[in-house]
Amino acid sequence: MSDGAFPTKVDAKQQALNETQERLNQPIYSERKVRVICIGAGASGLCFAYKLQRDFDNFNLSVYEKDADVSGTWFENNYPGSALRFLSPRSSS
C-alpha cells in the first residue's frame, strides 16, 4: 500500500476490485451510487441536471461545458441585424 496521501495505481485497482466484489455479493436490485456525466450546459443539459436532481438520490453529477458560462447556443451566438420590435419588462430600464 502507499504511504502518502495519494493512492497509487495498485491501491486504486485494488479498491475497484473490492467494490466490484462487494457489488457481486449483493442483490441486483440493491442501490449503489452512480456517476453521471453531462456534456454541455445548454438548455438540454440544464434540464437533464434538474430532472436528475429532482427524481434521483444516490448519484454524483458532473456537468462539462466548453464555454465560460452556461446556456449553450444562446451564449455562443449573436445574431447581427436582430433587434427587439417591442420592449419587454426585462429589457426596459
PDB file of N, CA and C in Angstrom:
ATOM      1  N   MET A   1       0.831  -1.183   0.000  1.00  0.00           N
ATOM      2  CA  MET A   1       0.000   0.000   0.000  1.00  0.00           C
ATOM      3  C   MET A   1       0.869   1.237   0.000  1.00  0.00           C
ATOM      4  N   SER A   2       0.260   2.384  -0.319  1.00  0.00           N
ATOM      5  CA  SER A   2       1.043   3.618  -0.377  1.00  0.00           C
ATOM      6  C   SER A   2       1.180   4.214   1.009  1.00  0.00           C
ATOM      7  N   ASP A   3       2.259   4.961   1.196  1.00  0.00           N
ATOM      8  CA  ASP A   3       2.475   5.608   2.481  1.00  0.00           C
ATOM      9  C   ASP A   3       2.102   7.082   2.438  1.00  0.00           C
ATOM     10  N   GLY A   4       1.798   7.624   1.240  1.00  0.00           N
ATOM     11  CA  GLY A   4       1.465   9.041   1.089  1.00  0.00           C
ATOM     12  C   GLY A   4      -0.030   9.276   1.087  1.00  0.00           C
ATOM     13  N   ALA A   5      -0.390  10.520   0.848  1.00  0.00           N
ATOM     14  CA  ALA A   5      -1.796  10.904   0.840  1.00  0.00           C
ATOM     15  C   ALA A   5      -2.496  10.509  -0.444  1.00  0.00           C
ATOM     16  N   PHE A   6      -1.723  10.301  -1.515  1.00  0.00           N
ATOM     17  CA  PHE A   6      -2.319   9.965  -2.809  1.00  0.00           C
ATOM     18  C   PHE A   6      -2.247   8.465  -3.050  1.00  0.00           C
ATOM     19  N   PRO A   7      -3.363   7.868  -3.467  1.00  0.00           N
ATOM     20  CA  PRO A   7      -3.340   6.421  -3.733  1.00  0.00           C
ATOM     21  C   PRO A   7      -2.516   6.113  -4.981  1.00  0.00           C
ATOM     22  N   THR A   8      -1.878   4.980  -4.961  1.00  0.00           N
ATOM     23  CA  THR A   8      -1.119   4.545  -6.126  1.00  0.00           C
ATOM     24  C   THR A   8      -2.058   3.829  -7.079  1.00  0.00           C
ATOM     25  N   LYS A   9      -1.544   3.485  -8.260  1.00  0.00           N
ATOM     26  CA  LYS A   9      -2.346   2.739  -9.228  1.00  0.00           C
ATOM     27  C   LYS A   9      -2.799   1.410  -8.655  1.00  0.00           C
ATOM     28  N   VAL A  10      -1.922   0.778  -7.904  1.00  0.00           N
ATOM     29  CA  VAL A  10      -2.247  -0.524  -7.317  1.00  0.00           C
ATOM     30  C   VAL A  10      -3.374  -0.365  -6.297  1.00  0.00           C
ATOM     31  N   ASP A  11      -3.295   0.698  -5.480  1.00  0.00           N
ATOM     32  CA  ASP A  11      -4.352   0.940  -4.485  1.00  0.00           C
ATOM     33  C   ASP A  11      -5.696   1.164  -5.172  1.00  0.00           C
ATOM     34  N   ALA A  12      -5.710   1.987  -6.216  1.00  0.00           N
ATOM     35  CA  ALA A  12      -6.953   2.283  -6.926  1.00  0.00           C
ATOM     36  C   ALA A  12      -7.512   1.026  -7.584  1.00  0.00           C
ATOM     37  N   LYS A  13      -6.639   0.233  -8.161  1.00  0.00           N
ATOM     38  CA  LYS A  13      -7.072  -1.008  -8.809  1.00  0.00           C
ATOM     39  C   LYS A  13      -7.645  -1.985  -7.782  1.00  0.00           C
ATOM     40  N   GLN A  14      -6.996  -2.089  -6.645  1.00  0.00           N
ATOM     41  CA  GLN A  14      -7.463  -2.985  -5.589  1.00  0.00           C
ATOM     42  C   GLN A  14      -8.796  -2.506  -5.031  1.00  0.00           C
ATOM     43  N   GLN A  15      -8.941  -1.191  -4.876  1.00  0.00           N
ATOM     44  CA  GLN A  15     -10.201  -0.640  -4.380  1.00  0.00           C
ATOM     45  C   GLN A  15     -11.338  -0.925  -5.356  1.00  0.00           C
ATOM     46  N   ALA A  16     -11.083  -0.739  -6.652  1.00  0.00           N
ATOM     47  CA  ALA A  16     -12.104  -1.024  -7.664  1.00  0.00           C
ATOM     48  C   ALA A  16     -12.475  -2.501  -7.637  1.00  0.00           C
ATOM     49  N   LEU A  17     -11.481  -3.358  -7.484  1.00  0.00           N
ATOM     50  CA  LEU A  17     -11.736  -4.802  -7.411  1.00  0.00           C
ATOM     51  C   LEU A  17     -12.572  -5.144  -6.178  1.00  0.00           C
ATOM     52  N   ASN A  18     -12.255  -4.520  -5.047  1.00  0.00           N
ATOM     53  CA  ASN A  18     -13.024  -4.754  -3.818  1.00  0.00           C
ATOM     54  C   ASN A  18     -14.467  -4.284  -3.973  1.00  0.00           C
ATOM     55  N   GLU A  19     -14.668  -3.113  -4.594  1.00  0.00           N
ATOM     56  CA  GLU A  19     -16.025  -2.600  -4.802  1.00  0.00           C
ATOM     57  C   GLU A  19     -16.818  -3.513  -5.726  1.00  0.00           C
ATOM     58  N   THR A  20     -16.169  -4.013  -6.774  1.00  0.00           N
ATOM     59  CA  THR A  20     -16.842  -4.924  -7.699  1.00  0.00           C
ATOM     60  C   THR A  20     -17.232  -6.212  -6.987  1.00  0.00           C
ATOM     61  N   GLN A  21     -16.324  -6.754  -6.203  1.00  0.00           N
ATOM     62  CA  GLN A  21     -16.591  -7.988  -5.463  1.00  0.00           C
ATOM     63  C   GLN A  21     -17.739  -7.782  -4.474  1.00  0.00           C
ATOM     64  N   GLU A  22     -17.765  -6.610  -3.834  1.00  0.00           N
ATOM     65  CA  GLU A  22     -18.831  -6.300  -2.881  1.00  0.00           C
ATOM     66  C   GLU A  22     -20.181  -6.218  -3.585  1.00  0.00           C
ATOM     67  N   ARG A  23     -20.209  -5.592  -4.784  1.00  0.00           N
ATOM     68  CA  ARG A  23     -21.469  -5.490  -5.542  1.00  0.00           C
ATOM     69  C   ARG A  23     -21.952  -6.859  -6.001  1.00  0.00           C
ATOM     70  N   LEU A  24     -21.033  -7.727  -6.372  1.00  0.00           N
ATOM     71  CA  LEU A  24     -21.420  -9.060  -6.835  1.00  0.00           C
ATOM     72  C   LEU A  24     -22.058  -9.887  -5.728  1.00  0.00           C
ATOM     73  N   ASN A  25     -21.727  -9.578  -4.481  1.00  0.00           N
ATOM     74  CA  ASN A  25     -22.280 -10.328  -3.351  1.00  0.00           C
ATOM     75  C   ASN A  25     -23.615  -9.767  -2.869  1.00  0.00           C
ATOM     76  N   GLN A  26     -24.099  -8.696  -3.481  1.00  0.00           N
ATOM     77  CA  GLN A  26     -25.373  -8.082  -3.094  1.00  0.00           C
ATOM     78  C   GLN A  26     -26.435  -8.415  -4.135  1.00  0.00           C
ATOM     79  N   PRO A  27     -27.702  -8.290  -3.751  1.00  0.00           N
ATOM     80  CA  PRO A  27     -28.775  -8.500  -4.732  1.00  0.00           C
ATOM     81  C   PRO A  27     -28.677  -7.477  -5.861  1.00  0.00           C
ATOM     82  N   ILE A  28     -29.132  -7.847  -7.050  1.00  0.00           N
ATOM     83  CA  ILE A  28     -29.002  -6.990  -8.227  1.00  0.00           C
ATOM     84  C   ILE A  28     -29.786  -5.687  -8.079  1.00  0.00           C
ATOM     85  N   TYR A  29     -30.847  -5.692  -7.311  1.00  0.00           N
ATOM     86  CA  TYR A  29     -31.685  -4.512  -7.155  1.00  0.00           C
ATOM     87  C   TYR A  29     -31.208  -3.573  -6.039  1.00  0.00           C
ATOM     88  N   SER A  30     -30.147  -3.911  -5.343  1.00  0.00           N
ATOM     89  CA  SER A  30     -29.669  -3.033  -4.273  1.00  0.00           C
ATOM     90  C   SER A  30     -29.121  -1.732  -4.853  1.00  0.00           C
ATOM     91  N   GLU A  31     -29.357  -0.643  -4.135  1.00  0.00           N
ATOM     92  CA  GLU A  31     -28.931   0.662  -4.618  1.00  0.00           C
ATOM     93  C   GLU A  31     -27.427   0.827  -4.475  1.00  0.00           C
ATOM     94  N   ARG A  32     -26.868   1.612  -5.406  1.00  0.00           N
ATOM     95  CA  ARG A  32     -25.463   1.980  -5.319  1.00  0.00           C
ATOM     96  C   ARG A  32     -25.314   3.371  -5.912  1.00  0.00           C
ATOM     97  N   LYS A  33     -24.257   4.040  -5.541  1.00  0.00           N
ATOM     98  CA  LYS A  33     -24.010   5.382  -6.053  1.00  0.00           C
ATOM     99  C   LYS A  33     -23.590   5.288  -7.514  1.00  0.00           C
ATOM    100  N   VAL A  34     -24.165   6.154  -8.352  1.00  0.00           N
ATOM    101  CA  VAL A  34     -23.897   6.143  -9.786  1.00  0.00           C
ATOM    102  C   VAL A  34     -23.219   7.456 -10.162  1.00  0.00           C
ATOM    103  N   ARG A  35     -22.179   7.367 -10.992  1.00  0.00           N
ATOM    104  CA  ARG A  35     -21.520   8.564 -11.513  1.00  0.00           C
ATOM    105  C   ARG A  35     -22.141   8.913 -12.852  1.00  0.00           C
ATOM    106  N   VAL A  36     -22.602  10.163 -12.991  1.00  0.00           N
ATOM    107  CA  VAL A  36     -23.260  10.619 -14.205  1.00  0.00           C
ATOM    108  C   VAL A  36     -22.488  11.822 -14.749  1.00  0.00           C
ATOM    109  N   ILE A  37     -22.231  11.811 -16.052  1.00  0.00           N
ATOM    110  CA  ILE A  37     -21.555  12.920 -16.709  1.00  0.00           C
ATOM    111  C   ILE A  37     -22.501  13.503 -17.749  1.00  0.00           C
ATOM    112  N   CYS A  38     -22.648  14.818 -17.726  1.00  0.00           N
ATOM    113  CA  CYS A  38     -23.469  15.534 -18.706  1.00  0.00           C
ATOM    114  C   CYS A  38     -22.538  16.430 -19.506  1.00  0.00           C
ATOM    115  N   ILE A  39     -22.520  16.256 -20.826  1.00  0.00           N
ATOM    116  CA  ILE A  39     -21.687  17.069 -21.693  1.00  0.00           C
ATOM    117  C   ILE A  39     -22.544  18.213 -22.234  1.00  0.00           C
ATOM    118  N   GLY A  40     -22.228  19.430 -21.824  1.00  0.00           N
ATOM    119  CA  GLY A  40     -22.937  20.609 -22.304  1.00  0.00           C
ATOM    120  C   GLY A  40     -23.905  21.145 -21.282  1.00  0.00           C
ATOM    121  N   ALA A  41     -23.848  22.465 -21.089  1.00  0.00           N
ATOM    122  CA  ALA A  41     -24.741  23.129 -20.134  1.00  0.00           C
ATOM    123  C   ALA A  41     -25.683  24.073 -20.868  1.00  0.00           C
ATOM    124  N   GLY A  42     -26.201  23.592 -22.000  1.00  0.00           N
ATOM    125  CA  GLY A  42     -27.236  24.332 -22.716  1.00  0.00           C
ATOM    126  C   GLY A  42     -28.589  23.991 -22.130  1.00  0.00           C
ATOM    127  N   ALA A  43     -29.631  24.254 -22.871  1.00  0.00           N
ATOM    128  CA  ALA A  43     -30.991  24.009 -22.385  1.00  0.00           C
ATOM    129  C   ALA A  43     -31.206  22.538 -22.025  1.00  0.00           C
ATOM    130  N   SER A  44     -30.765  21.638 -22.895  1.00  0.00           N
ATOM    131  CA  SER A  44     -30.964  20.203 -22.634  1.00  0.00           C
ATOM    132  C   SER A  44     -30.132  19.719 -21.458  1.00  0.00           C
ATOM    133  N   GLY A  45     -28.895  20.166 -21.372  1.00  0.00           N
ATOM    134  CA  GLY A  45     -28.025  19.755 -20.273  1.00  0.00           C
ATOM    135  C   GLY A  45     -28.537  20.236 -18.932  1.00  0.00           C
ATOM    136  N   LEU A  46     -28.994  21.487 -18.878  1.00  0.00           N
ATOM    137  CA  LEU A  46     -29.535  22.014 -17.627  1.00  0.00           C
ATOM    138  C   LEU A  46     -30.841  21.330 -17.243  1.00  0.00           C
ATOM    139  N   CYS A  47     -31.671  21.020 -18.238  1.00  0.00           N
ATOM    140  CA  CYS A  47     -32.921  20.297 -17.974  1.00  0.00           C
ATOM    141  C   CYS A  47     -32.617  18.894 -17.447  1.00  0.00           C
ATOM    142  N   PHE A  48     -31.634  18.237 -18.051  1.00  0.00           N
ATOM    143  CA  PHE A  48     -31.227  16.908 -17.592  1.00  0.00           C
ATOM    144  C   PHE A  48     -30.745  16.959 -16.143  1.00  0.00           C
ATOM    145  N   ALA A  49     -29.896  17.940 -15.825  1.00  0.00           N
ATOM    146  CA  ALA A  49     -29.372  18.067 -14.462  1.00  0.00           C
ATOM    147  C   ALA A  49     -30.508  18.313 -13.469  1.00  0.00           C
ATOM    148  N   TYR A  50     -31.442  19.171 -13.839  1.00  0.00           N
ATOM    149  CA  TYR A  50     -32.583  19.459 -12.969  1.00  0.00           C
ATOM    150  C   TYR A  50     -33.416  18.211 -12.710  1.00  0.00           C
ATOM    151  N   LYS A  51     -33.769  17.489 -13.789  1.00  0.00           N
ATOM    152  CA  LYS A  51     -34.612  16.301 -13.631  1.00  0.00           C
ATOM    153  C   LYS A  51     -33.900  15.194 -12.866  1.00  0.00           C
ATOM    154  N   LEU A  52     -32.595  15.069 -13.068  1.00  0.00           N
ATOM    155  CA  LEU A  52     -31.831  14.066 -12.332  1.00  0.00           C
ATOM    156  C   LEU A  52     -31.857  14.379 -10.837  1.00  0.00           C
ATOM    157  N   GLN A  53     -31.625  15.640 -10.481  1.00  0.00           N
ATOM    158  CA  GLN A  53     -31.642  16.027  -9.069  1.00  0.00           C
ATOM    159  C   GLN A  53     -33.040  15.921  -8.472  1.00  0.00           C
ATOM    160  N   ARG A  54     -34.059  16.161  -9.284  1.00  0.00           N
ATOM    161  CA  ARG A  54     -35.438  16.091  -8.803  1.00  0.00           C
ATOM    162  C   ARG A  54     -35.882  14.655  -8.540  1.00  0.00           C
ATOM    163  N   ASP A  55     -35.450  13.713  -9.385  1.00  0.00           N
ATOM    164  CA  ASP A  55     -36.013  12.366  -9.344  1.00  0.00           C
ATOM    165  C   ASP A  55     -35.111  11.282  -8.752  1.00  0.00           C
ATOM    166  N   PHE A  56     -33.825  11.561  -8.568  1.00  0.00           N
ATOM    167  CA  PHE A  56     -32.909  10.530  -8.077  1.00  0.00           C
ATOM    168  C   PHE A  56     -32.125  11.030  -6.877  1.00  0.00           C
ATOM    169  N   ASP A  57     -31.653  10.097  -6.052  1.00  0.00           N
ATOM    170  CA  ASP A  57     -30.951  10.466  -4.828  1.00  0.00           C
ATOM    171  C   ASP A  57     -29.478  10.090  -4.822  1.00  0.00           C
ATOM    172  N   ASN A  58     -29.159   8.911  -5.221  1.00  0.00           N
ATOM    173  CA  ASN A  58     -27.836   8.355  -4.994  1.00  0.00           C
ATOM    174  C   ASN A  58     -26.959   8.468  -6.247  1.00  0.00           C
ATOM    175  N   PHE A  59     -26.470   9.682  -6.541  1.00  0.00           N
ATOM    176  CA  PHE A  59     -25.666   9.886  -7.745  1.00  0.00           C
ATOM    177  C   PHE A  59     -24.667  11.012  -7.528  1.00  0.00           C
ATOM    178  N   ASN A  60     -23.680  11.046  -8.396  1.00  0.00           N
ATOM    179  CA  ASN A  60     -22.687  12.117  -8.419  1.00  0.00           C
ATOM    180  C   ASN A  60     -22.700  12.674  -9.834  1.00  0.00           C
ATOM    181  N   LEU A  61     -23.138  13.925 -10.000  1.00  0.00           N
ATOM    182  CA  LEU A  61     -23.304  14.538 -11.314  1.00  0.00           C
ATOM    183  C   LEU A  61     -22.158  15.493 -11.609  1.00  0.00           C
ATOM    184  N   SER A  62     -21.576  15.371 -12.802  1.00  0.00           N
ATOM    185  CA  SER A  62     -20.579  16.319 -13.298  1.00  0.00           C
ATOM    186  C   SER A  62     -21.081  16.856 -14.632  1.00  0.00           C
ATOM    187  N   VAL A  63     -21.141  18.188 -14.746  1.00  0.00           N
ATOM    188  CA  VAL A  63     -21.570  18.830 -15.985  1.00  0.00           C
ATOM    189  C   VAL A  63     -20.363  19.536 -16.571  1.00  0.00           C
ATOM    190  N   TYR A  64     -20.042  19.239 -17.820  1.00  0.00           N
ATOM    191  CA  TYR A  64     -18.911  19.850 -18.507  1.00  0.00           C
ATOM    192  C   TYR A  64     -19.416  20.783 -19.597  1.00  0.00           C
ATOM    193  N   GLU A  65     -18.888  22.001 -19.619  1.00  0.00           N
ATOM    194  CA  GLU A  65     -19.252  22.996 -20.617  1.00  0.00           C
ATOM    195  C   GLU A  65     -17.984  23.614 -21.171  1.00  0.00           C
ATOM    196  N   LYS A  66     -17.894  23.752 -22.490  1.00  0.00           N
ATOM    197  CA  LYS A  66     -16.686  24.284 -23.111  1.00  0.00           C
ATOM    198  C   LYS A  66     -16.583  25.796 -23.009  1.00  0.00           C
ATOM    199  N   ASP A  67     -17.707  26.472 -22.825  1.00  0.00           N
ATOM    200  CA  ASP A  67     -17.697  27.932 -22.749  1.00  0.00           C
ATOM    201  C   ASP A  67     -17.527  28.401 -21.308  1.00  0.00           C
ATOM    202  N   ALA A  68     -17.359  29.701 -21.154  1.00  0.00           N
ATOM    203  CA  ALA A  68     -17.143  30.280 -19.831  1.00  0.00           C
ATOM    204  C   ALA A  68     -18.416  30.326 -18.991  1.00  0.00           C
ATOM    205  N   ASP A  69     -19.571  30.192 -19.614  1.00  0.00           N
ATOM    206  CA  ASP A  69     -20.834  30.277 -18.890  1.00  0.00           C
ATOM    207  C   ASP A  69     -21.818  29.265 -19.474  1.00  0.00           C
ATOM    208  N   VAL A  70     -22.941  29.096 -18.813  1.00  0.00           N
ATOM    209  CA  VAL A  70     -23.962  28.160 -19.289  1.00  0.00           C
ATOM    210  C   VAL A  70     -24.819  28.817 -20.357  1.00  0.00           C
ATOM    211  N   SER A  71     -25.674  28.059 -20.971  1.00  0.00           N
ATOM    212  CA  SER A  71     -26.720  28.418 -21.939  1.00  0.00           C
ATOM    213  C   SER A  71     -26.389  28.075 -23.368  1.00  0.00           C
ATOM    214  N   GLY A  72     -25.335  27.331 -23.615  1.00  0.00           N
ATOM    215  CA  GLY A  72     -25.073  26.741 -24.919  1.00  0.00           C
ATOM    216  C   GLY A  72     -25.115  27.692 -26.091  1.00  0.00           C
ATOM    217  N   THR A  73     -25.982  27.405 -27.051  1.00  0.00           N
ATOM    218  CA  THR A  73     -26.084  28.179 -28.285  1.00  0.00           C
ATOM    219  C   THR A  73     -26.383  29.646 -28.005  1.00  0.00           C
ATOM    220  N   TRP A  74     -27.206  29.919 -27.012  1.00  0.00           N
ATOM    221  CA  TRP A  74     -27.568  31.303 -26.715  1.00  0.00           C
ATOM    222  C   TRP A  74     -26.376  32.085 -26.186  1.00  0.00           C
ATOM    223  N   PHE A  75     -25.426  31.418 -25.563  1.00  0.00           N
ATOM    224  CA  PHE A  75     -24.222  32.088 -25.076  1.00  0.00           C
ATOM    225  C   PHE A  75     -23.252  32.344 -26.229  1.00  0.00           C
ATOM    226  N   GLU A  76     -23.115  31.380 -27.132  1.00  0.00           N
ATOM    227  CA  GLU A  76     -22.127  31.456 -28.210  1.00  0.00           C
ATOM    228  C   GLU A  76     -22.507  32.402 -29.336  1.00  0.00           C
ATOM    229  N   ASN A  77     -23.735  32.353 -29.769  1.00  0.00           N
ATOM    230  CA  ASN A  77     -24.135  33.046 -30.990  1.00  0.00           C
ATOM    231  C   ASN A  77     -24.656  34.443 -30.727  1.00  0.00           C
ATOM    232  N   ASN A  78     -24.332  35.338 -31.648  1.00  0.00           N
ATOM    233  CA  ASN A  78     -25.026  36.619 -31.686  1.00  0.00           C
ATOM    234  C   ASN A  78     -25.656  36.704 -33.070  1.00  0.00           C
ATOM    235  N   TYR A  79     -26.690  37.436 -33.187  1.00  0.00           N
ATOM    236  CA  TYR A  79     -27.451  37.465 -34.422  1.00  0.00           C
ATOM    237  C   TYR A  79     -27.423  38.890 -34.984  1.00  0.00           C
ATOM    238  N   PRO A  80     -26.494  39.170 -35.922  1.00  0.00           N
ATOM    239  CA  PRO A  80     -26.371  40.520 -36.462  1.00  0.00           C
ATOM    240  C   PRO A  80     -27.662  40.961 -37.145  1.00  0.00           C
ATOM    241  N   GLY A  81     -28.020  42.195 -36.912  1.00  0.00           N
ATOM    242  CA  GLY A  81     -29.222  42.732 -37.533  1.00  0.00           C
ATOM    243  C   GLY A  81     -30.491  42.435 -36.772  1.00  0.00           C
ATOM    244  N   SER A  82     -30.411  41.621 -35.745  1.00  0.00           N
ATOM    245  CA  SER A  82     -31.626  41.337 -34.989  1.00  0.00           C
ATOM    246  C   SER A  82     -31.855  42.447 -33.980  1.00  0.00           C
ATOM    247  N   ALA A  83     -33.104  42.757 -33.748  1.00  0.00           N
ATOM    248  CA  ALA A  83     -33.447  43.817 -32.809  1.00  0.00           C
ATOM    249  C   ALA A  83     -34.795  43.505 -32.180  1.00  0.00           C
ATOM    250  N   LEU A  84     -35.076  44.157 -31.074  1.00  0.00           N
ATOM    251  CA  LEU A  84     -36.369  43.998 -30.421  1.00  0.00           C
ATOM    252  C   LEU A  84     -37.410  44.837 -31.151  1.00  0.00           C
ATOM    253  N   ARG A  85     -38.563  44.285 -31.407  1.00  0.00           N
ATOM    254  CA  ARG A  85     -39.648  45.049 -32.018  1.00  0.00           C
ATOM    255  C   ARG A  85     -40.509  45.708 -30.942  1.00  0.00           C
ATOM    256  N   PHE A  86     -40.422  45.208 -29.732  1.00  0.00           N
ATOM    257  CA  PHE A  86     -41.178  45.786 -28.629  1.00  0.00           C
ATOM    258  C   PHE A  86     -40.321  45.662 -27.383  1.00  0.00           C
ATOM    259  N   LEU A  87     -40.584  46.439 -26.405  1.00  0.00           N
ATOM    260  CA  LEU A  87     -39.841  46.386 -25.161  1.00  0.00           C
ATOM    261  C   LEU A  87     -40.533  45.423 -24.204  1.00  0.00           C
ATOM    262  N   SER A  88     -39.771  44.543 -23.671  1.00  0.00           N
ATOM    263  CA  SER A  88     -40.317  43.648 -22.657  1.00  0.00           C
ATOM    264  C   SER A  88     -39.986  44.257 -21.288  1.00  0.00           C
ATOM    265  N   PRO A  89     -40.678  43.840 -20.238  1.00  0.00           N
ATOM    266  CA  PRO A  89     -40.382  44.378 -18.907  1.00  0.00           C
ATOM    267  C   PRO A  89     -38.927  44.145 -18.491  1.00  0.00           C
ATOM    268  N   ARG A  90     -38.310  43.088 -18.990  1.00  0.00           N
ATOM    269  CA  ARG A  90     -36.931  42.789 -18.625  1.00  0.00           C
ATOM    270  C   ARG A  90     -35.943  43.687 -19.365  1.00  0.00           C
ATOM    271  N   SER A  91     -36.276  44.150 -20.571  1.00  0.00           N
ATOM    272  CA  SER A  91     -35.322  44.927 -21.355  1.00  0.00           C
ATOM    273  C   SER A  91     -35.432  46.419 -21.119  1.00  0.00           C
ATOM    274  N   SER A  92     -36.521  46.881 -20.531  1.00  0.00           N
ATOM    275  CA  SER A  92     -36.650  48.316 -20.287  1.00  0.00           C
ATOM    276  C   SER A  92     -36.031  48.669 -18.944  1.00  0.00           C
ATOM    277  N   SER A  93     -35.290  49.738 -18.938  1.00  0.00           N
ATOM    278  CA  SER A  93     -34.639  50.155 -17.686  1.00  0.00           C
ATOM    279  C   SER A  93     -35.090  51.536 -17.283  1.00  0.00           C
TER     280      SER A  93
END
